[in-house]
Amino acid sequence: MLATALAGHRAKSAPATAAEFYRGKTVRILVGSPPGGGYDVYARLVAPALAAKLGATVLVENKDGNGGLAALAALLVRPADGLTLMSGSAEAAILSQMLARPGATWDVTRLNWLARMAAAPKLWFVGQAARYPSIAAAGAANPLTWSATGPADDISDVQAVISHVLGLKSKIVVGYRGSGDMSLAVIRNEVDAGLLSADSALPHLDSIRPLALFGARRWAHLPDVPTLSEAAVLSADKTWIMDLRQRIGAAQRALVAAPDVPPDRIEHLRGVFADILTDAAVIDTGAKTNREIDFMSGADLQRDVGELMRSAGPRLPEFRRILLDTYF
C-alpha cells in the first residue's frame, strides 16, 4: 500500500507537458508601441488564435517607450516561465546590441525567437506639400529633417543609412511617440521627410507622397514605388551599409520569449505560432487590413540572428558612427 501511495504521489507531482502548462493560464503579449501601431495590430491579429490554441487567456499590453525597447526590458524582468511574450521590433533589439546602446543589457542570441510575423520594407515619404518633394530635391536641402522616436529605433537608423549613401545633409528629429505622430509631423511639414514600415504608412497614402522603398525588392501594395537602388545612383563603396541594414531588417516584426524559458515550452510556442501564421483564416484577416503575414519559423529566425551578430563585427565601429553620431 505504501508503494502504491508513493507511486500515486509521484504521478500527481510529475511535470505537466507544455500544452498542459498553458491551459487555463493568462498569457501576456508585450508590445513596444502605442495602441494602433503596426506591432500592436499584429499582436491583436494573432491573440485570438493563440488563446484558442493554448486554451489560455491572452492579453496585449502596450509598453511603448525607448524606441520600442521598453517592452523588451519589461520582458526580461518578468518570470521566465513562457507566460510573457513580446511582439516587437527584432531590428531595434539587434541594433541596440550592435551599437552598444545604454541600457541594452540583453543578448539577442540568447532570446528565444518564436516566429517572424511580417517583414514589409521601409518607405521613405514626404508630405503632399513638401518643401523637398523628390529625391533630387532632397539632395539640395540643408538640412533635410526627418521624424523619429529616438536613436536606433529601427526608423532613425535607416534614415541615417539613406542619408549616408546619398550624401544628404540630414537632421533627424527625435522624440515622437510612434508611427502616427511621426507621420503627422511630415504631413504638417514640421519635418521634411519620414520613414515607416510600408504597411504602417499605407493608411496615410492620401496625405503623403512615397519616394522610395528601403528593401531588396519592390512591394506588392506599392508596385510603382521604386527601391532606393532603383531610384538613385549609389556609391559602390557605401552599399555595404545598406546590405547590412537590410539583413537586419529581414527579422522585423517578431515574437520572442525571454532567455531561460523551459525548452519544451519554447518548442510548443514555436509550433503553435507556426500553425497560426500559416492558417488561411489568419492570413486572410491580416490581408484585409494590408497586414500581410510573412512567416519565418522561430528556429530559422534564431539561426539567422546568430549568424548576423557573428558576421557584422568588422565594420561595427563605422556602423555605429554613421547611425549614432552623424545626423542628430
Protein backbone atom coordinates (compact mmCIF):
# COMPACT_ATOMS: atom_id res chain seq x y z
CA MET A 1 0.00 0.00 0.00
CA LEU A 2 2.85 2.37 0.79
CA ALA A 3 4.42 1.69 -2.62
CA THR A 4 1.07 2.33 -4.27
CA ALA A 5 0.64 5.62 -2.39
CA LEU A 6 4.15 6.76 -3.31
CA ALA A 7 3.57 5.91 -6.96
CA GLY A 8 0.34 7.89 -6.91
CA HIS A 9 2.10 10.87 -5.33
CA ARG A 10 4.84 10.77 -7.97
CA ALA A 11 2.24 10.66 -10.74
CA LYS A 12 0.40 13.66 -9.32
CA SER A 13 3.59 15.73 -8.95
CA ALA A 14 5.07 14.83 -12.33
CA PRO A 15 5.74 17.89 -14.52
CA ALA A 16 2.91 18.84 -16.85
CA THR A 17 3.51 18.81 -20.58
CA ALA A 18 3.99 22.23 -22.18
CA ALA A 19 0.49 22.04 -23.66
CA GLU A 20 -0.98 21.24 -20.24
CA PHE A 21 1.02 24.04 -18.63
CA TYR A 22 -0.68 26.73 -20.71
CA ARG A 23 -4.27 25.55 -20.31
CA GLY A 24 -6.26 27.97 -18.18
CA LYS A 25 -3.32 30.35 -17.72
CA THR A 26 -3.06 34.04 -18.69
CA VAL A 27 -0.50 34.84 -21.39
CA ARG A 28 0.59 38.43 -21.95
CA ILE A 29 1.99 39.82 -25.21
CA LEU A 30 4.03 42.96 -24.59
CA VAL A 31 4.04 45.49 -27.43
CA GLY A 32 6.72 48.15 -27.73
CA SER A 33 4.49 50.77 -29.37
CA PRO A 34 1.21 52.58 -28.63
CA PRO A 35 -2.20 51.06 -29.47
CA GLY A 36 -2.90 51.14 -33.19
CA GLY A 37 0.73 50.89 -34.29
CA GLY A 38 1.97 48.09 -36.51
CA TYR A 39 3.29 45.85 -33.73
CA ASP A 40 0.09 46.32 -31.77
CA VAL A 41 -2.04 45.41 -34.79
CA TYR A 42 -0.08 42.22 -35.40
CA ALA A 43 -0.23 41.23 -31.73
CA ARG A 44 -4.01 41.63 -31.73
CA LEU A 45 -4.24 39.75 -35.02
CA VAL A 46 -2.67 36.61 -33.51
CA ALA A 47 -4.03 36.93 -29.95
CA PRO A 48 -7.45 35.24 -30.52
CA ALA A 49 -5.90 32.31 -32.36
CA LEU A 50 -3.20 31.98 -29.70
CA ALA A 51 -5.83 31.90 -26.95
CA ALA A 52 -7.72 29.18 -28.79
CA LYS A 53 -4.62 27.07 -29.48
CA LEU A 54 -3.28 27.32 -25.92
CA GLY A 55 -6.61 27.15 -24.11
CA ALA A 56 -5.48 30.31 -22.30
CA THR A 57 -6.49 33.92 -21.85
CA VAL A 58 -4.27 36.17 -23.98
CA LEU A 59 -3.85 39.86 -23.11
CA VAL A 60 -1.99 42.51 -25.11
CA GLU A 61 -0.05 45.06 -23.02
CA ASN A 62 1.35 48.20 -24.62
CA LYS A 63 4.75 49.17 -23.18
CA ASP A 64 5.86 51.92 -25.54
CA GLY A 65 8.98 53.93 -24.89
CA ASN A 66 12.72 53.94 -25.62
CA GLY A 67 12.24 53.37 -29.34
CA GLY A 68 10.17 50.24 -28.74
CA LEU A 69 12.64 48.67 -26.33
CA ALA A 70 10.73 49.32 -23.10
CA ALA A 71 8.73 46.18 -23.84
CA LEU A 72 11.89 44.11 -24.18
CA ALA A 73 13.22 45.50 -20.90
CA ALA A 74 9.91 44.55 -19.24
CA LEU A 75 10.04 41.05 -20.73
CA LEU A 76 13.45 40.44 -19.19
CA VAL A 77 12.33 41.23 -15.65
CA ARG A 78 9.19 39.11 -15.77
CA PRO A 79 9.38 35.46 -14.66
CA ALA A 80 10.96 33.31 -17.38
CA ASP A 81 8.01 30.94 -17.45
CA GLY A 82 6.78 31.48 -21.02
CA LEU A 83 3.65 33.34 -19.92
CA THR A 84 5.01 36.72 -21.07
CA LEU A 85 5.90 37.13 -24.74
CA MET A 86 6.75 40.16 -26.84
CA SER A 87 5.54 41.37 -30.21
CA GLY A 88 8.24 43.79 -31.14
CA SER A 89 10.99 45.00 -33.38
CA ALA A 90 13.69 42.43 -33.82
CA GLU A 91 15.52 45.18 -35.70
CA ALA A 92 15.61 47.53 -32.72
CA ALA A 93 16.77 44.79 -30.35
CA ILE A 94 19.56 43.70 -32.71
CA LEU A 95 20.63 47.26 -33.48
CA SER A 96 20.76 48.33 -29.86
CA GLN A 97 23.09 45.47 -29.03
CA MET A 98 25.26 46.05 -32.13
CA LEU A 99 25.52 49.73 -31.30
CA ALA A 100 26.11 49.13 -27.56
CA ARG A 101 23.26 51.49 -26.68
CA PRO A 102 22.85 52.47 -22.99
CA GLY A 103 20.50 50.04 -21.28
CA ALA A 104 20.88 47.34 -23.92
CA THR A 105 21.79 44.60 -21.48
CA TRP A 106 20.28 41.76 -23.48
CA ASP A 107 21.96 39.27 -25.76
CA VAL A 108 19.73 38.72 -28.78
CA THR A 109 21.33 35.35 -29.44
CA ARG A 110 20.00 34.16 -26.05
CA LEU A 111 16.46 35.44 -26.52
CA ASN A 112 14.05 32.74 -27.61
CA TRP A 113 12.81 33.71 -31.06
CA LEU A 114 9.37 32.22 -31.67
CA ALA A 115 8.36 33.42 -35.14
CA ARG A 116 8.56 36.26 -37.60
CA MET A 117 5.12 37.64 -38.42
CA ALA A 118 5.94 40.14 -41.15
CA ALA A 119 8.79 41.83 -42.97
CA ALA A 120 7.50 44.75 -45.03
CA PRO A 121 10.13 47.12 -46.46
CA LYS A 122 10.59 50.63 -45.14
CA LEU A 123 9.00 53.50 -47.08
CA TRP A 124 10.65 56.91 -47.48
CA PHE A 125 7.92 59.51 -47.94
CA VAL A 126 7.20 63.23 -47.84
CA GLY A 127 4.05 65.30 -47.43
CA GLN A 128 1.84 66.38 -50.29
CA ALA A 129 3.07 69.96 -49.83
CA ALA A 130 6.67 69.03 -49.07
CA ARG A 131 9.47 71.55 -49.37
CA TYR A 132 11.63 68.84 -50.97
CA PRO A 133 9.19 66.67 -52.98
CA SER A 134 11.70 64.35 -54.70
CA ILE A 135 14.96 62.54 -54.07
CA ALA A 136 16.77 65.04 -56.26
CA ALA A 137 15.30 67.93 -54.28
CA ALA A 138 16.24 66.25 -51.00
CA GLY A 139 19.85 66.37 -52.15
CA ALA A 140 19.71 70.16 -52.17
CA ALA A 141 18.25 70.51 -48.65
CA ASN A 142 20.45 71.84 -45.87
CA PRO A 143 19.27 70.32 -43.65
CA LEU A 144 16.72 67.69 -44.62
CA THR A 145 14.77 66.97 -41.41
CA TRP A 146 13.27 63.58 -40.51
CA SER A 147 10.94 62.42 -37.70
CA ALA A 148 11.87 59.53 -35.40
CA THR A 149 11.25 58.29 -31.86
CA GLY A 150 14.91 58.02 -30.89
CA PRO A 151 18.36 56.81 -31.94
CA ALA A 152 18.48 53.26 -33.32
CA ASP A 153 14.70 52.87 -33.14
CA ASP A 154 14.63 50.92 -36.45
CA ILE A 155 13.50 54.13 -38.17
CA SER A 156 16.20 56.73 -37.47
CA ASP A 157 18.94 54.24 -38.29
CA VAL A 158 17.52 53.63 -41.78
CA GLN A 159 17.19 57.39 -42.21
CA ALA A 160 20.88 57.64 -41.33
CA VAL A 161 21.77 54.89 -43.81
CA ILE A 162 19.82 56.60 -46.60
CA SER A 163 21.44 59.91 -45.74
CA HIS A 164 24.90 58.34 -45.79
CA VAL A 165 24.59 56.51 -49.10
CA LEU A 166 23.02 59.54 -50.85
CA GLY A 167 25.21 62.16 -49.18
CA LEU A 168 22.22 64.05 -47.74
CA LYS A 169 22.68 66.84 -45.20
CA SER A 170 20.15 65.34 -42.83
CA LYS A 171 18.99 66.23 -39.33
CA ILE A 172 16.98 63.54 -37.54
CA VAL A 173 14.49 64.99 -35.05
CA VAL A 174 13.68 62.55 -32.23
CA GLY A 175 11.04 62.48 -29.51
CA TYR A 176 7.97 61.42 -31.48
CA ARG A 177 5.89 58.76 -29.74
CA GLY A 178 5.13 56.39 -32.61
CA SER A 179 4.25 55.93 -36.26
CA GLY A 180 1.13 58.11 -36.08
CA ASP A 181 2.98 61.09 -34.59
CA MET A 182 5.89 60.68 -36.99
CA SER A 183 3.54 60.63 -39.99
CA LEU A 184 1.63 63.71 -38.82
CA ALA A 185 4.90 65.60 -38.42
CA VAL A 186 5.62 65.01 -42.10
CA ILE A 187 2.07 65.76 -43.26
CA ARG A 188 2.09 69.05 -41.31
CA ASN A 189 5.55 69.99 -42.61
CA GLU A 190 7.04 70.01 -39.11
CA VAL A 191 9.78 67.93 -40.74
CA ASP A 192 10.69 67.37 -44.37
CA ALA A 193 10.66 63.58 -44.63
CA GLY A 194 9.51 60.43 -42.89
CA LEU A 195 10.15 56.73 -42.93
CA LEU A 196 7.94 53.89 -41.71
CA SER A 197 7.38 50.23 -42.33
CA ALA A 198 5.45 50.33 -45.58
CA ASP A 199 2.42 48.57 -44.08
CA SER A 200 2.21 51.24 -41.37
CA ALA A 201 2.44 54.01 -43.99
CA LEU A 202 -0.41 52.67 -46.15
CA PRO A 203 -3.23 54.31 -44.12
CA HIS A 204 -1.63 57.70 -44.80
CA LEU A 205 -1.30 57.37 -48.59
CA ASP A 206 -3.86 60.11 -49.26
CA SER A 207 -1.69 62.59 -47.35
CA ILE A 208 1.86 61.53 -48.25
CA ARG A 209 3.99 61.11 -51.34
CA PRO A 210 6.11 57.92 -51.48
CA LEU A 211 9.67 58.42 -52.75
CA ALA A 212 11.40 55.05 -52.42
CA LEU A 213 11.41 51.71 -50.63
CA PHE A 214 14.31 50.62 -48.47
CA GLY A 215 14.44 46.93 -49.28
CA ALA A 216 15.78 44.42 -51.73
CA ARG A 217 12.70 44.40 -53.97
CA ARG A 218 9.52 46.28 -54.75
CA TRP A 219 6.42 45.72 -52.64
CA ALA A 220 3.16 44.33 -53.99
CA HIS A 221 0.99 47.03 -52.38
CA LEU A 222 3.05 49.83 -53.90
CA PRO A 223 4.23 48.34 -57.20
CA ASP A 224 5.08 51.72 -58.76
CA VAL A 225 7.34 52.84 -55.92
CA PRO A 226 10.99 52.04 -56.73
CA THR A 227 13.56 50.69 -54.34
CA LEU A 228 16.27 53.10 -53.30
CA SER A 229 18.71 51.23 -55.54
CA GLU A 230 16.39 51.81 -58.49
CA ALA A 231 15.63 55.43 -57.66
CA ALA A 232 19.15 56.76 -57.13
CA VAL A 233 22.73 56.13 -58.16
CA LEU A 234 24.53 54.69 -55.15
CA SER A 235 28.23 54.87 -54.47
CA ALA A 236 29.71 51.38 -54.59
CA ASP A 237 31.85 52.00 -51.52
CA LYS A 238 28.76 52.77 -49.42
CA THR A 239 26.41 49.93 -50.36
CA TRP A 240 27.83 47.67 -47.64
CA ILE A 241 25.85 49.57 -45.03
CA MET A 242 22.62 49.13 -46.99
CA ASP A 243 23.29 45.40 -47.29
CA LEU A 244 23.93 45.07 -43.55
CA ARG A 245 20.86 47.11 -42.61
CA GLN A 246 18.64 45.14 -44.98
CA ARG A 247 19.84 41.88 -43.41
CA ILE A 248 18.88 43.24 -40.00
CA GLY A 249 15.52 44.26 -41.45
CA ALA A 250 14.75 40.72 -42.54
CA ALA A 251 13.95 39.85 -38.90
CA GLN A 252 11.49 42.76 -38.49
CA ARG A 253 8.14 42.05 -36.73
CA ALA A 254 8.89 39.15 -34.44
CA LEU A 255 7.52 37.23 -31.48
CA VAL A 256 10.01 36.48 -28.75
CA ALA A 257 10.26 34.97 -25.28
CA ALA A 258 12.84 35.57 -22.58
CA PRO A 259 16.01 33.51 -22.14
CA ASP A 260 15.72 30.59 -19.73
CA VAL A 261 12.10 29.75 -20.56
CA PRO A 262 11.94 25.92 -20.40
CA PRO A 263 12.85 24.47 -23.82
CA ASP A 264 9.68 22.35 -24.09
CA ARG A 265 7.53 25.48 -23.74
CA ILE A 266 9.57 27.27 -26.42
CA GLU A 267 9.13 24.36 -28.80
CA HIS A 268 5.42 24.27 -28.06
CA LEU A 269 5.04 28.00 -28.66
CA ARG A 270 7.01 27.80 -31.90
CA GLY A 271 4.72 25.05 -33.13
CA VAL A 272 1.60 26.97 -32.12
CA PHE A 273 2.77 30.14 -33.88
CA ALA A 274 3.72 28.15 -36.98
CA ASP A 275 0.15 26.84 -37.09
CA ILE A 276 -1.34 30.29 -36.52
CA LEU A 277 0.82 32.18 -39.01
CA THR A 278 0.23 29.67 -41.80
CA ASP A 279 -3.52 29.45 -41.15
CA ALA A 280 -5.52 30.71 -44.14
CA ALA A 281 -8.10 32.46 -41.93
CA VAL A 282 -5.43 34.43 -40.04
CA ILE A 283 -3.61 35.31 -43.26
CA ASP A 284 -6.88 36.48 -44.83
CA THR A 285 -7.78 38.59 -41.79
CA GLY A 286 -4.41 40.33 -41.94
CA ALA A 287 -4.61 40.87 -45.69
CA LYS A 288 -7.94 42.69 -45.32
CA THR A 289 -6.14 45.47 -43.45
CA ASN A 290 -2.93 45.24 -45.54
CA ARG A 291 -1.14 43.49 -42.69
CA GLU A 292 0.36 40.63 -44.61
CA ILE A 293 1.89 37.64 -42.90
CA ASP A 294 5.46 36.78 -43.94
CA PHE A 295 6.14 33.85 -41.65
CA MET A 296 9.57 32.62 -40.66
CA SER A 297 9.91 29.85 -38.11
CA GLY A 298 11.41 30.53 -34.72
CA ALA A 299 14.24 28.07 -35.33
CA ASP A 300 15.19 29.76 -38.63
CA LEU A 301 14.96 33.21 -37.07
CA GLN A 302 17.14 32.08 -34.13
CA ARG A 303 19.77 30.84 -36.58
CA ASP A 304 19.69 33.98 -38.73
CA VAL A 305 20.03 36.32 -35.74
CA GLY A 306 23.04 34.36 -34.51
CA GLU A 307 24.73 34.42 -37.92
CA LEU A 308 24.06 38.13 -38.32
CA MET A 309 25.62 39.02 -34.97
CA ARG A 310 28.71 36.96 -35.78
CA SER A 311 29.23 38.41 -39.26
CA ALA A 312 28.69 42.12 -38.54
CA GLY A 313 31.72 42.60 -36.30
CA PRO A 314 34.48 44.03 -38.56
CA ARG A 315 32.54 47.15 -39.62
CA LEU A 316 30.67 47.84 -36.39
CA PRO A 317 32.74 50.92 -35.39
CA GLU A 318 31.91 52.61 -38.72
CA PHE A 319 28.31 51.41 -38.49
CA ARG A 320 27.97 52.98 -35.01
CA ARG A 321 29.46 56.28 -36.14
CA ILE A 322 27.06 56.66 -39.07
CA LEU A 323 23.94 55.60 -37.17
CA LEU A 324 24.54 57.39 -33.86
CA ASP A 325 26.95 60.27 -34.28
CA THR A 326 26.33 61.88 -37.68
CA TYR A 327 22.74 63.03 -38.12
CA PHE A 328 21.37 64.01 -34.70
